[in-house]
PDB file of N, CA and C in Angstrom:
ATOM      1  N   MET A   1       0.792  -1.060   0.181  1.00  0.00           N
ATOM      2  CA  MET A   1       0.008   0.144   0.022  1.00  0.00           C
ATOM      3  C   MET A   1       1.252   1.353  -0.612  1.00  0.00           C
ATOM      4  N   THR A   2       1.927   1.245   0.790  1.00  0.00           N
ATOM      5  CA  THR A   2       2.889   2.197   0.547  1.00  0.00           C
ATOM      6  C   THR A   2       4.089   2.407  -0.614  1.00  0.00           C
ATOM      7  N   GLU A   3       3.466   1.393  -1.245  1.00  0.00           N
ATOM      8  CA  GLU A   3       4.370   1.931  -2.809  1.00  0.00           C
ATOM      9  C   GLU A   3       3.335   2.893  -3.689  1.00  0.00           C
ATOM     10  N   TYR A   4       1.815   2.124  -3.055  1.00  0.00           N
ATOM     11  CA  TYR A   4       0.900   3.029  -4.472  1.00  0.00           C
ATOM     12  C   TYR A   4       0.940   4.325  -4.067  1.00  0.00           C
ATOM     13  N   LYS A   5       1.245   4.703  -2.753  1.00  0.00           N
ATOM     14  CA  LYS A   5       1.861   6.234  -2.378  1.00  0.00           C
ATOM     15  C   LYS A   5       3.036   6.566  -2.704  1.00  0.00           C
ATOM     16  N   ASP A   6       3.909   6.611  -2.414  1.00  0.00           N
ATOM     17  CA  ASP A   6       5.047   6.614  -3.298  1.00  0.00           C
ATOM     18  C   ASP A   6       4.704   7.354  -4.596  1.00  0.00           C
ATOM     19  N   GLN A   7       4.561   5.858  -5.719  1.00  0.00           N
ATOM     20  CA  GLN A   7       4.084   6.308  -6.999  1.00  0.00           C
ATOM     21  C   GLN A   7       3.739   7.385  -7.217  1.00  0.00           C
ATOM     22  N   GLY A   8       2.388   7.215  -6.502  1.00  0.00           N
ATOM     23  CA  GLY A   8       2.028   8.573  -7.148  1.00  0.00           C
ATOM     24  C   GLY A   8       2.316   9.736  -6.318  1.00  0.00           C
ATOM     25  N   LEU A   9       2.956   9.726  -5.364  1.00  0.00           N
ATOM     26  CA  LEU A   9       3.970  11.139  -4.977  1.00  0.00           C
ATOM     27  C   LEU A   9       4.861  11.597  -5.921  1.00  0.00           C
ATOM     28  N   ARG A  10       5.072  10.189  -6.552  1.00  0.00           N
ATOM     29  CA  ARG A  10       6.510  10.939  -7.618  1.00  0.00           C
ATOM     30  C   ARG A  10       5.781  11.008  -8.918  1.00  0.00           C
ATOM     31  N   LYS A  11       5.040  10.170  -9.241  1.00  0.00           N
ATOM     32  CA  LYS A  11       4.345  10.729 -10.510  1.00  0.00           C
ATOM     33  C   LYS A  11       3.741  12.228  -9.865  1.00  0.00           C
ATOM     34  N   ALA A  12       3.381  12.284  -9.127  1.00  0.00           N
ATOM     35  CA  ALA A  12       2.702  13.844  -9.088  1.00  0.00           C
ATOM     36  C   ALA A  12       3.658  15.246  -8.770  1.00  0.00           C
ATOM     37  N   ALA A  13       4.997  14.597  -8.277  1.00  0.00           N
ATOM     38  CA  ALA A  13       5.828  15.273  -8.671  1.00  0.00           C
ATOM     39  C   ALA A  13       6.683  15.395  -9.984  1.00  0.00           C
ATOM     40  N   ARG A  14       6.716  14.520 -10.824  1.00  0.00           N
ATOM     41  CA  ARG A  14       7.353  14.541 -11.989  1.00  0.00           C
ATOM     42  C   ARG A  14       6.210  15.546 -12.924  1.00  0.00           C
ATOM     43  N   GLN A  15       5.127  15.387 -12.758  1.00  0.00           N
ATOM     44  CA  GLN A  15       4.134  16.067 -13.653  1.00  0.00           C
ATOM     45  C   GLN A  15       4.279  17.513 -13.050  1.00  0.00           C
ATOM     46  N   ASN A  16       4.548  17.907 -11.837  1.00  0.00           N
ATOM     47  CA  ASN A  16       4.435  19.464 -11.375  1.00  0.00           C
ATOM     48  C   ASN A  16       5.382  19.787 -12.496  1.00  0.00           C
ATOM     49  N   LYS A  17       5.357  20.822 -13.169  1.00  0.00           N
ATOM     50  CA  LYS A  17       6.327  21.727 -13.408  1.00  0.00           C
ATOM     51  C   LYS A  17       7.089  23.052 -12.232  1.00  0.00           C
ATOM     52  N   PRO A  18       8.446  22.964 -12.360  1.00  0.00           N
ATOM     53  CA  PRO A  18       8.952  24.380 -11.414  1.00  0.00           C
ATOM     54  C   PRO A  18       7.865  25.613 -12.497  1.00  0.00           C
ATOM     55  N   PRO A  19       7.252  26.538 -11.297  1.00  0.00           N
ATOM     56  CA  PRO A  19       6.697  27.833 -11.911  1.00  0.00           C
ATOM     57  C   PRO A  19       7.746  28.556 -12.749  1.00  0.00           C
ATOM     58  N   GLN A  20       7.279  28.819 -13.897  1.00  0.00           N
ATOM     59  CA  GLN A  20       8.377  29.835 -14.881  1.00  0.00           C
ATOM     60  C   GLN A  20       8.021  31.331 -14.465  1.00  0.00           C
ATOM     61  N   LEU A  21       9.326  31.756 -13.627  1.00  0.00           N
ATOM     62  CA  LEU A  21       9.095  33.327 -13.706  1.00  0.00           C
ATOM     63  C   LEU A  21       9.373  34.049 -14.822  1.00  0.00           C
ATOM     64  N   PRO A  22       9.367  35.410 -14.518  1.00  0.00           N
ATOM     65  CA  PRO A  22       9.255  36.204 -15.509  1.00  0.00           C
ATOM     66  C   PRO A  22      10.436  36.335 -16.133  1.00  0.00           C
ATOM     67  N   SER A  23      10.943  37.135 -17.244  1.00  0.00           N
ATOM     68  CA  SER A  23      13.235  37.466 -16.947  1.00  0.00           C
ATOM     69  C   SER A  23      12.994  38.853 -16.251  1.00  0.00           C
ATOM     70  N   ASN A  24      11.661  39.744 -16.015  1.00  0.00           N
ATOM     71  CA  ASN A  24      12.496  40.760 -15.436  1.00  0.00           C
ATOM     72  C   ASN A  24      12.412  40.590 -14.265  1.00  0.00           C
ATOM     73  N   PHE A  25      11.863  39.567 -13.604  1.00  0.00           N
ATOM     74  CA  PHE A  25      11.789  39.314 -12.114  1.00  0.00           C
ATOM     75  C   PHE A  25      12.941  39.450 -10.970  1.00  0.00           C
ATOM     76  N   THR A  26      14.444  39.490 -11.573  1.00  0.00           N
ATOM     77  CA  THR A  26      15.244  40.202 -10.242  1.00  0.00           C
ATOM     78  C   THR A  26      14.814  41.756 -10.583  1.00  0.00           C
ATOM     79  N   TYR A  27      15.090  41.864 -12.103  1.00  0.00           N
ATOM     80  CA  TYR A  27      15.067  43.211 -11.724  1.00  0.00           C
ATOM     81  C   TYR A  27      13.985  44.306 -11.054  1.00  0.00           C
ATOM     82  N   ARG A  28      12.398  43.449 -10.897  1.00  0.00           N
ATOM     83  CA  ARG A  28      11.547  43.873 -10.274  1.00  0.00           C
ATOM     84  C   ARG A  28      11.259  43.559  -8.847  1.00  0.00           C
ATOM     85  N   MET A  29      11.899  42.541  -8.558  1.00  0.00           N
ATOM     86  CA  MET A  29      11.973  42.076  -7.090  1.00  0.00           C
ATOM     87  C   MET A  29      13.140  43.062  -6.443  1.00  0.00           C
ATOM     88  N   MET A  30      14.077  43.291  -7.251  1.00  0.00           N
ATOM     89  CA  MET A  30      14.888  44.604  -6.447  1.00  0.00           C
ATOM     90  C   MET A  30      14.499  45.863  -6.282  1.00  0.00           C
ATOM     91  N   LYS A  31      13.929  46.184  -7.484  1.00  0.00           N
ATOM     92  CA  LYS A  31      12.720  47.733  -7.462  1.00  0.00           C
ATOM     93  C   LYS A  31      12.358  47.588  -5.936  1.00  0.00           C
ATOM     94  N   ARG A  32      11.348  46.191  -5.943  1.00  0.00           N
ATOM     95  CA  ARG A  32      10.144  46.432  -5.219  1.00  0.00           C
ATOM     96  C   ARG A  32      10.459  46.756  -3.353  1.00  0.00           C
ATOM     97  N   ILE A  33      11.959  45.853  -3.728  1.00  0.00           N
ATOM     98  CA  ILE A  33      13.126  46.267  -1.375  1.00  0.00           C
ATOM     99  C   ILE A  33      13.423  47.278  -1.549  1.00  0.00           C
ATOM    100  N   GLY A  34      13.841  47.496  -2.818  1.00  0.00           N
ATOM    101  CA  GLY A  34      14.344  49.297  -2.455  1.00  0.00           C
ATOM    102  C   GLY A  34      13.198  50.216  -2.480  1.00  0.00           C
ATOM    103  N   GLU A  35      12.296  50.130  -2.756  1.00  0.00           N
ATOM    104  CA  GLU A  35      11.132  50.728  -2.184  1.00  0.00           C
ATOM    105  C   GLU A  35      10.765  50.906  -1.488  1.00  0.00           C
ATOM    106  N   GLU A  36      10.676  49.296  -0.579  1.00  0.00           N
ATOM    107  CA  GLU A  36      10.368  49.388   1.428  1.00  0.00           C
ATOM    108  C   GLU A  36      11.100  49.704   1.608  1.00  0.00           C
ATOM    109  N   MET A  37      12.584  49.345   1.071  1.00  0.00           N
ATOM    110  CA  MET A  37      13.781  50.525   1.989  1.00  0.00           C
ATOM    111  C   MET A  37      13.631  51.729   2.820  1.00  0.00           C
ATOM    112  N   TYR A  38      13.428  52.809   0.710  1.00  0.00           N
ATOM    113  CA  TYR A  38      12.847  53.910   1.113  1.00  0.00           C
ATOM    114  C   TYR A  38      11.786  54.144   2.334  1.00  0.00           C
ATOM    115  N   LEU A  39      10.338  53.045   1.984  1.00  0.00           N
ATOM    116  CA  LEU A  39       9.772  53.870   3.221  1.00  0.00           C
ATOM    117  C   LEU A  39       9.705  53.529   4.609  1.00  0.00           C
ATOM    118  N   ARG A  40      10.815  52.232   4.441  1.00  0.00           N
ATOM    119  CA  ARG A  40      10.976  52.257   5.862  1.00  0.00           C
ATOM    120  C   ARG A  40      12.225  53.595   6.736  1.00  0.00           C
ATOM    121  N   GLU A  41      13.224  53.809   5.887  1.00  0.00           N
ATOM    122  CA  GLU A  41      13.679  55.193   6.318  1.00  0.00           C
ATOM    123  C   GLU A  41      12.965  56.186   5.709  1.00  0.00           C
ATOM    124  N   LYS A  42      12.297  55.943   5.049  1.00  0.00           N
ATOM    125  CA  LYS A  42      11.339  57.525   5.920  1.00  0.00           C
ATOM    126  C   LYS A  42      10.460  57.698   6.603  1.00  0.00           C
ATOM    127  N   ARG A  43      10.022  56.864   7.056  1.00  0.00           N
ATOM    128  CA  ARG A  43       9.054  56.557   8.475  1.00  0.00           C
ATOM    129  C   ARG A  43      10.168  56.737   9.531  1.00  0.00           C
ATOM    130  N   GLN A  44      11.812  55.836   9.688  1.00  0.00           N
ATOM    131  CA  GLN A  44      12.031  56.161  11.003  1.00  0.00           C
ATOM    132  C   GLN A  44      12.765  57.859  10.454  1.00  0.00           C
ATOM    133  N   GLU A  45      12.765  58.861   9.669  1.00  0.00           N
ATOM    134  CA  GLU A  45      13.247  59.584   9.409  1.00  0.00           C
ATOM    135  C   GLU A  45      11.997  60.204  10.155  1.00  0.00           C
ATOM    136  N   LYS A  46      11.002  60.368   9.987  1.00  0.00           N
ATOM    137  CA  LYS A  46       9.554  60.791  10.671  1.00  0.00           C
ATOM    138  C   LYS A  46       9.595  60.624  12.292  1.00  0.00           C
ATOM    139  N   ARG A  47       9.982  59.826  12.523  1.00  0.00           N
ATOM    140  CA  ARG A  47       9.779  59.605  14.198  1.00  0.00           C
ATOM    141  C   ARG A  47      10.994  60.177  14.642  1.00  0.00           C
ATOM    142  N   LEU A  48      12.264  59.776  14.198  1.00  0.00           N
ATOM    143  CA  LEU A  48      13.048  61.167  14.434  1.00  0.00           C
ATOM    144  C   LEU A  48      12.806  62.314  14.542  1.00  0.00           C
ATOM    145  N   PHE A  49      12.164  62.653  13.498  1.00  0.00           N
ATOM    146  CA  PHE A  49      11.506  64.268  13.998  1.00  0.00           C
ATOM    147  C   PHE A  49      10.632  64.493  14.901  1.00  0.00           C
ATOM    148  N   ILE A  50      10.174  63.805  14.736  1.00  0.00           N
ATOM    149  CA  ILE A  50       8.843  64.286  15.847  1.00  0.00           C
ATOM    150  C   ILE A  50       9.597  64.000  16.952  1.00  0.00           C
ATOM    151  N   LEU A  51      10.283  63.099  17.586  1.00  0.00           N
ATOM    152  CA  LEU A  51      11.268  62.479  18.535  1.00  0.00           C
ATOM    153  C   LEU A  51      12.268  64.218  19.102  1.00  0.00           C
ATOM    154  N   MET A  52      12.746  64.809  17.880  1.00  0.00           N
ATOM    155  CA  MET A  52      13.571  66.047  18.446  1.00  0.00           C
ATOM    156  C   MET A  52      12.775  67.099  18.280  1.00  0.00           C
ATOM    157  N   ILE A  53      11.667  67.416  17.993  1.00  0.00           N
ATOM    158  CA  ILE A  53      10.410  68.163  18.085  1.00  0.00           C
ATOM    159  C   ILE A  53      10.349  68.163  19.523  1.00  0.00           C
ATOM    160  N   LEU A  54       9.693  66.840  20.165  1.00  0.00           N
ATOM    161  CA  LEU A  54       9.138  66.854  21.579  1.00  0.00           C
ATOM    162  C   LEU A  54      10.281  67.410  22.216  1.00  0.00           C
ATOM    163  N   THR A  55      11.722  66.436  21.993  1.00  0.00           N
ATOM    164  CA  THR A  55      12.759  67.376  22.973  1.00  0.00           C
ATOM    165  C   THR A  55      12.943  68.201  22.973  1.00  0.00           C
ATOM    166  N   VAL A  56      13.077  69.274  22.058  1.00  0.00           N
ATOM    167  CA  VAL A  56      13.513  70.432  21.950  1.00  0.00           C
ATOM    168  C   VAL A  56      11.766  71.014  22.563  1.00  0.00           C
ATOM    169  N   THR A  57      10.937  71.078  22.327  1.00  0.00           N
ATOM    170  CA  THR A  57       9.573  71.359  23.169  1.00  0.00           C
ATOM    171  C   THR A  57       9.463  71.461  24.735  1.00  0.00           C
ATOM    172  N   LEU A  58      10.198  70.522  25.075  1.00  0.00           N
ATOM    173  CA  LEU A  58      10.812  69.923  26.741  1.00  0.00           C
ATOM    174  C   LEU A  58      11.796  70.430  27.408  1.00  0.00           C
ATOM    175  N   MET A  59      12.166  70.494  26.542  1.00  0.00           N
ATOM    176  CA  MET A  59      13.890  71.644  27.458  1.00  0.00           C
ATOM    177  C   MET A  59      13.548  72.736  27.062  1.00  0.00           C
ATOM    178  N   ILE A  60      12.753  73.406  26.154  1.00  0.00           N
ATOM    179  CA  ILE A  60      12.654  75.225  26.754  1.00  0.00           C
ATOM    180  C   ILE A  60      11.621  75.302  27.427  1.00  0.00           C
ATOM    181  N   GLY A  61      10.526  74.520  27.320  1.00  0.00           N
ATOM    182  CA  GLY A  61       9.606  74.640  28.371  1.00  0.00           C
ATOM    183  C   GLY A  61      10.240  74.039  29.607  1.00  0.00           C
ATOM    184  N   GLY A  62      11.295  73.369  30.065  1.00  0.00           N
ATOM    185  CA  GLY A  62      11.970  73.268  30.856  1.00  0.00           C
ATOM    186  C   GLY A  62      12.591  74.327  31.599  1.00  0.00           C
ATOM    187  N   CYS A  63      13.596  74.932  30.129  1.00  0.00           N
ATOM    188  CA  CYS A  63      14.071  76.663  30.951  1.00  0.00           C
ATOM    189  C   CYS A  63      13.291  77.434  31.571  1.00  0.00           C
ATOM    190  N   ILE A  64      12.138  77.039  30.574  1.00  0.00           N
ATOM    191  CA  ILE A  64      10.963  78.357  30.819  1.00  0.00           C
ATOM    192  C   ILE A  64      10.521  78.487  32.161  1.00  0.00           C
ATOM    193  N   GLY A  65      10.260  77.169  32.463  1.00  0.00           N
ATOM    194  CA  GLY A  65       9.965  76.957  33.925  1.00  0.00           C
ATOM    195  C   GLY A  65      10.893  77.265  35.164  1.00  0.00           C
ATOM    196  N   MET A  66      11.746  76.888  34.778  1.00  0.00           N
ATOM    197  CA  MET A  66      13.521  76.918  35.846  1.00  0.00           C
ATOM    198  C   MET A  66      13.393  78.708  35.849  1.00  0.00           C
ATOM    199  N   ILE A  67      13.001  79.337  34.814  1.00  0.00           N
ATOM    200  CA  ILE A  67      13.637  80.896  35.162  1.00  0.00           C
ATOM    201  C   ILE A  67      12.320  81.388  35.818  1.00  0.00           C
ATOM    202  N   VAL A  68      11.083  80.874  35.462  1.00  0.00           N
ATOM    203  CA  VAL A  68       9.661  81.610  36.471  1.00  0.00           C
ATOM    204  C   VAL A  68       9.740  81.237  37.494  1.00  0.00           C
ATOM    205  N   TRP A  69      10.568  79.946  37.914  1.00  0.00           N
ATOM    206  CA  TRP A  69      10.500  80.056  39.183  1.00  0.00           C
ATOM    207  C   TRP A  69      11.470  80.531  40.396  1.00  0.00           C
ATOM    208  N   ILE A  70      12.953  80.200  39.417  1.00  0.00           N
ATOM    209  CA  ILE A  70      13.608  81.152  40.286  1.00  0.00           C
ATOM    210  C   ILE A  70      13.495  83.110  39.775  1.00  0.00           C
ATOM    211  N   TYR A  71      12.791  83.372  39.346  1.00  0.00           N
ATOM    212  CA  TYR A  71      12.877  85.106  38.926  1.00  0.00           C
ATOM    213  C   TYR A  71      11.922  85.413  38.921  1.00  0.00           C
ATOM    214  N   GLY A  72      10.637  84.337  39.275  1.00  0.00           N
ATOM    215  CA  GLY A  72       8.703  84.583  39.299  1.00  0.00           C
ATOM    216  C   GLY A  72       8.384  86.058  40.005  1.00  0.00           C
ATOM    217  N   LYS A  73       9.089  86.308  40.985  1.00  0.00           N
ATOM    218  CA  LYS A  73       8.913  87.846  41.659  1.00  0.00           C
ATOM    219  C   LYS A  73       9.393  88.993  41.393  1.00  0.00           C
ATOM    220  N   GLU A  74      10.509  88.984  40.962  1.00  0.00           N
ATOM    221  CA  GLU A  74      11.015  90.286  39.952  1.00  0.00           C
ATOM    222  C   GLU A  74      10.034  89.962  38.573  1.00  0.00           C
ATOM    223  N   ILE A  75      10.066  89.319  38.166  1.00  0.00           N
ATOM    224  CA  ILE A  75       9.320  89.031  36.923  1.00  0.00           C
ATOM    225  C   ILE A  75       7.782  89.433  36.451  1.00  0.00           C
ATOM    226  N   ALA A  76       7.305  89.608  37.806  1.00  0.00           N
ATOM    227  CA  ALA A  76       5.763  90.281  38.068  1.00  0.00           C
ATOM    228  C   ALA A  76       6.235  91.722  38.697  1.00  0.00           C
ATOM    229  N   GLU A  77       7.253  92.096  39.563  1.00  0.00           N
ATOM    230  CA  GLU A  77       7.436  93.261  40.129  1.00  0.00           C
ATOM    231  C   GLU A  77       7.894  94.011  38.720  1.00  0.00           C
ATOM    232  N   GLY A  78       8.751  94.212  37.307  1.00  0.00           N
ATOM    233  CA  GLY A  78       8.816  94.262  36.565  1.00  0.00           C
ATOM    234  C   GLY A  78       7.997  94.722  35.465  1.00  0.00           C
ATOM    235  N   LEU A  79       7.205  93.279  35.301  1.00  0.00           N
ATOM    236  CA  LEU A  79       5.611  93.551  34.397  1.00  0.00           C
ATOM    237  C   LEU A  79       4.944  94.794  34.804  1.00  0.00           C
ATOM    238  N   GLN A  80       4.583  94.597  36.415  1.00  0.00           N
ATOM    239  CA  GLN A  80       3.893  95.400  37.028  1.00  0.00           C
ATOM    240  C   GLN A  80       4.289  97.040  37.031  1.00  0.00           C
ATOM    241  N   LYS A  81       5.962  97.077  37.253  1.00  0.00           N
ATOM    242  CA  LYS A  81       5.892  98.622  36.849  1.00  0.00           C
ATOM    243  C   LYS A  81       6.328  99.316  35.225  1.00  0.00           C
ATOM    244  N   SER A  82       6.279  98.434  34.484  1.00  0.00           N
ATOM    245  CA  SER A  82       6.104  98.505  33.271  1.00  0.00           C
ATOM    246  C   SER A  82       4.705  98.648  32.263  1.00  0.00           C
ATOM    247  N   VAL A  83       3.499  98.329  33.083  1.00  0.00           N
ATOM    248  CA  VAL A  83       2.000  98.955  33.096  1.00  0.00           C
ATOM    249  C   VAL A  83       2.163 100.456  33.759  1.00  0.00           C
ATOM    250  N   ASN A  84       2.510 100.587  34.709  1.00  0.00           N
ATOM    251  CA  ASN A  84       2.168 101.247  35.294  1.00  0.00           C
ATOM    252  C   ASN A  84       2.952 102.587  34.259  1.00  0.00           C
ATOM    253  N   ASN A  85       3.854 102.431  33.675  1.00  0.00           N
ATOM    254  CA  ASN A  85       4.780 103.635  32.812  1.00  0.00           C
ATOM    255  C   ASN A  85       4.562 103.389  31.482  1.00  0.00           C
ATOM    256  N   LEU A  86       3.703 102.505  30.951  1.00  0.00           N
ATOM    257  CA  LEU A  86       3.104 103.417  29.832  1.00  0.00           C
ATOM    258  C   LEU A  86       2.144 103.937  29.911  1.00  0.00           C
ATOM    259  N   PRO A  87       2.319 105.359  28.378  1.00  0.00           N
ATOM    260  CA  PRO A  87       1.980 106.243  28.195  1.00  0.00           C
ATOM    261  C   PRO A  87      -0.121 106.558  27.750  1.00  0.00           C
ATOM    262  N   GLU A  88      -0.531 107.598  28.194  1.00  0.00           N
ATOM    263  CA  GLU A  88      -1.450 107.952  27.910  1.00  0.00           C
ATOM    264  C   GLU A  88      -2.155 107.678  26.380  1.00  0.00           C
ATOM    265  N   PRO A  89      -3.226 106.649  26.575  1.00  0.00           N
ATOM    266  CA  PRO A  89      -3.789 106.052  25.154  1.00  0.00           C
ATOM    267  C   PRO A  89      -4.016 107.628  24.655  1.00  0.00           C
ATOM    268  N   SER A  90      -3.808 109.139  25.348  1.00  0.00           N
ATOM    269  CA  SER A  90      -4.213 109.966  23.784  1.00  0.00           C
ATOM    270  C   SER A  90      -2.883 110.118  23.345  1.00  0.00           C
ATOM    271  N   SER A  91      -2.213 110.101  23.829  1.00  0.00           N
ATOM    272  CA  SER A  91      -0.518 110.378  23.228  1.00  0.00           C
ATOM    273  C   SER A  91      -0.178 109.156  22.279  1.00  0.00           C
ATOM    274  N   LEU A  92      -1.160 108.111  21.565  1.00  0.00           N
ATOM    275  CA  LEU A  92      -1.036 107.405  20.775  1.00  0.00           C
ATOM    276  C   LEU A  92      -1.877 107.520  19.868  1.00  0.00           C
ATOM    277  N   ILE A  93      -2.359 108.574  19.849  1.00  0.00           N
ATOM    278  CA  ILE A  93      -3.604 108.901  17.957  1.00  0.00           C
ATOM    279  C   ILE A  93      -2.246 109.568  17.324  1.00  0.00           C
ATOM    280  N   PHE A  94      -0.871 109.684  17.535  1.00  0.00           N
ATOM    281  CA  PHE A  94      -0.182 110.246  17.010  1.00  0.00           C
ATOM    282  C   PHE A  94       0.405 109.015  16.018  1.00  0.00           C
ATOM    283  N   TYR A  95       0.207 107.915  16.424  1.00  0.00           N
ATOM    284  CA  TYR A  95       0.966 106.521  15.703  1.00  0.00           C
ATOM    285  C   TYR A  95      -0.632 106.021  15.083  1.00  0.00           C
ATOM    286  N   LEU A  96      -1.804 106.496  15.487  1.00  0.00           N
ATOM    287  CA  LEU A  96      -2.636 106.057  14.410  1.00  0.00           C
ATOM    288  C   LEU A  96      -2.582 106.419  12.703  1.00  0.00           C
ATOM    289  N   PRO A  97      -2.071 107.241  11.998  1.00  0.00           N
ATOM    290  CA  PRO A  97      -2.274 106.975  11.030  1.00  0.00           C
ATOM    291  C   PRO A  97      -0.878 105.886  10.333  1.00  0.00           C
ATOM    292  N   MET A  98       0.116 105.589  10.808  1.00  0.00           N
ATOM    293  CA  MET A  98       0.967 105.218  10.360  1.00  0.00           C
ATOM    294  C   MET A  98       0.478 103.555  11.025  1.00  0.00           C
ATOM    295  N   LEU A  99      -0.535 102.945  11.496  1.00  0.00           N
ATOM    296  CA  LEU A  99      -1.013 101.932  12.399  1.00  0.00           C
ATOM    297  C   LEU A  99      -2.035 101.991  11.205  1.00  0.00           C
ATOM    298  N   ILE A 100      -3.054 102.911   9.804  1.00  0.00           N
ATOM    299  CA  ILE A 100      -3.740 102.271   9.227  1.00  0.00           C
ATOM    300  C   ILE A 100      -2.874 102.150   7.719  1.00  0.00           C
ATOM    301  N   ALA A 101      -1.933 103.045   7.531  1.00  0.00           N
ATOM    302  CA  ALA A 101      -1.171 103.367   6.527  1.00  0.00           C
ATOM    303  C   ALA A 101      -0.031 101.491   6.187  1.00  0.00           C
ATOM    304  N   LEU A 102       0.364 101.190   7.076  1.00  0.00           N
ATOM    305  CA  LEU A 102       0.878 100.040   6.942  1.00  0.00           C
ATOM    306  C   LEU A 102      -0.054  98.992   6.213  1.00  0.00           C
ATOM    307  N   PRO A 103      -1.000  98.664   7.093  1.00  0.00           N
ATOM    308  CA  PRO A 103      -1.878  97.490   6.126  1.00  0.00           C
ATOM    309  C   PRO A 103      -1.927  98.134   4.789  1.00  0.00           C
ATOM    310  N   LEU A 104      -2.351  98.985   4.433  1.00  0.00           N
ATOM    311  CA  LEU A 104      -3.011  99.284   3.445  1.00  0.00           C
ATOM    312  C   LEU A 104      -1.761  99.571   2.400  1.00  0.00           C
ATOM    313  N   LEU A 105      -0.427  99.358   2.445  1.00  0.00           N
ATOM    314  CA  LEU A 105       0.239  99.499   1.816  1.00  0.00           C
ATOM    315  C   LEU A 105       0.421  97.826   1.088  1.00  0.00           C
ATOM    316  N   ARG A 106       0.403  97.519   2.481  1.00  0.00           N
ATOM    317  CA  ARG A 106       0.697  95.750   2.339  1.00  0.00           C
ATOM    318  C   ARG A 106      -0.253  94.966   1.775  1.00  0.00           C
ATOM    319  N   ILE A 107      -2.078  95.491   1.541  1.00  0.00           N
ATOM    320  CA  ILE A 107      -2.440  95.119   0.609  1.00  0.00           C
ATOM    321  C   ILE A 107      -2.388  95.522  -1.027  1.00  0.00           C
ATOM    322  N   PHE A 108      -1.748  96.557  -0.798  1.00  0.00           N
ATOM    323  CA  PHE A 108      -1.744  97.316  -2.466  1.00  0.00           C
ATOM    324  C   PHE A 108      -0.090  96.543  -2.967  1.00  0.00           C
ATOM    325  N   ASP A 109       0.592  96.521  -2.430  1.00  0.00           N
ATOM    326  CA  ASP A 109       1.752  95.271  -2.891  1.00  0.00           C
ATOM    327  C   ASP A 109       1.252  94.568  -3.382  1.00  0.00           C
ATOM    328  N   ARG A 110       0.669  93.523  -2.685  1.00  0.00           N
ATOM    329  CA  ARG A 110       0.215  92.150  -3.015  1.00  0.00           C
ATOM    330  C   ARG A 110      -0.707  92.496  -4.123  1.00  0.00           C
ATOM    331  N   TRP A 111      -1.536  93.821  -4.390  1.00  0.00           N
ATOM    332  CA  TRP A 111      -2.183  93.564  -5.504  1.00  0.00           C
ATOM    333  C   TRP A 111      -1.272  93.887  -6.769  1.00  0.00           C
ATOM    334  N   LEU A 112      -0.694  94.519  -6.266  1.00  0.00           N
ATOM    335  CA  LEU A 112       0.517  95.092  -7.384  1.00  0.00           C
ATOM    336  C   LEU A 112       1.536  93.889  -7.916  1.00  0.00           C
ATOM    337  N   ARG A 113       1.643  93.295  -7.072  1.00  0.00           N
ATOM    338  CA  ARG A 113       2.608  91.620  -7.471  1.00  0.00           C
ATOM    339  C   ARG A 113       2.115  91.310  -7.914  1.00  0.00           C
ATOM    340  N   ARG A 114       0.215  90.455  -7.494  1.00  0.00           N
ATOM    341  CA  ARG A 114      -0.726  89.737  -8.641  1.00  0.00           C
ATOM    342  C   ARG A 114      -0.676  90.394  -9.889  1.00  0.00           C
ATOM    343  N   LYS A 115      -0.343  91.305 -10.148  1.00  0.00           N
ATOM    344  CA  LYS A 115      -0.977  92.298 -11.363  1.00  0.00           C
ATOM    345  C   LYS A 115      -0.128  92.182 -12.269  1.00  0.00           C
ATOM    346  N   PHE A 116       1.540  92.420 -12.200  1.00  0.00           N
ATOM    347  CA  PHE A 116       2.441  92.293 -12.497  1.00  0.00           C
ATOM    348  C   PHE A 116       3.001  91.186 -11.779  1.00  0.00           C
ATOM    349  N   LYS A 117       2.840  90.386 -12.272  1.00  0.00           N
ATOM    350  CA  LYS A 117       3.698  89.271 -12.109  1.00  0.00           C
ATOM    351  C   LYS A 117       4.047  88.634 -13.445  1.00  0.00           C
ATOM    352  N   HIS A 118       3.731  88.728 -14.001  1.00  0.00           N
ATOM    353  CA  HIS A 118       4.582  88.333 -15.792  1.00  0.00           C
ATOM    354  C   HIS A 118       5.875  89.145 -15.787  1.00  0.00           C
ATOM    355  N   LEU A 119       5.823  90.085 -15.122  1.00  0.00           N
ATOM    356  CA  LEU A 119       7.389  91.371 -15.284  1.00  0.00           C
ATOM    357  C   LEU A 119       8.309  91.515 -14.415  1.00  0.00           C
ATOM    358  N   LEU A 120       8.075  90.563 -13.062  1.00  0.00           N
ATOM    359  CA  LEU A 120       8.968  89.734 -12.285  1.00  0.00           C
ATOM    360  C   LEU A 120      10.100  89.210 -12.898  1.00  0.00           C
TER     361      LEU A 120
END
C-alpha cells in the first residue's frame, strides 16, 4: 500500500513543472525591495523628527519653567512697573495714521505683485 502512495507522489512530482518566472523577475524584485527600504527609512526619519521636536519643546519648557521658578517675583514686579509706565492713550493718536497706512500698503503691494507677476 505504501508503494502506491510513493508511486503516486513521484508521479505527481514529475508532472509538476517548476513555475516559470518572468524574465525581469530579479529587476522587479530588487525594485520592490528598494522601495520598501526607502519607505522604511522615511518612516524612521519621520519618527526621529517628531522625537526631536518633542525633546526640544520639553527642553524649552523646562528652561522657561526654571526661569519662572527662580525669577518669578522679579518678573512680576517688572511687568507691574512696565504697565504703570505706559503712555496715556491720547498720546497714541500720533501713531494712528501709521497703523492704518501699513496694512493698506501691504494690501496694495500684494495687489501689484499679482497684477504684474509676469514682469518680475
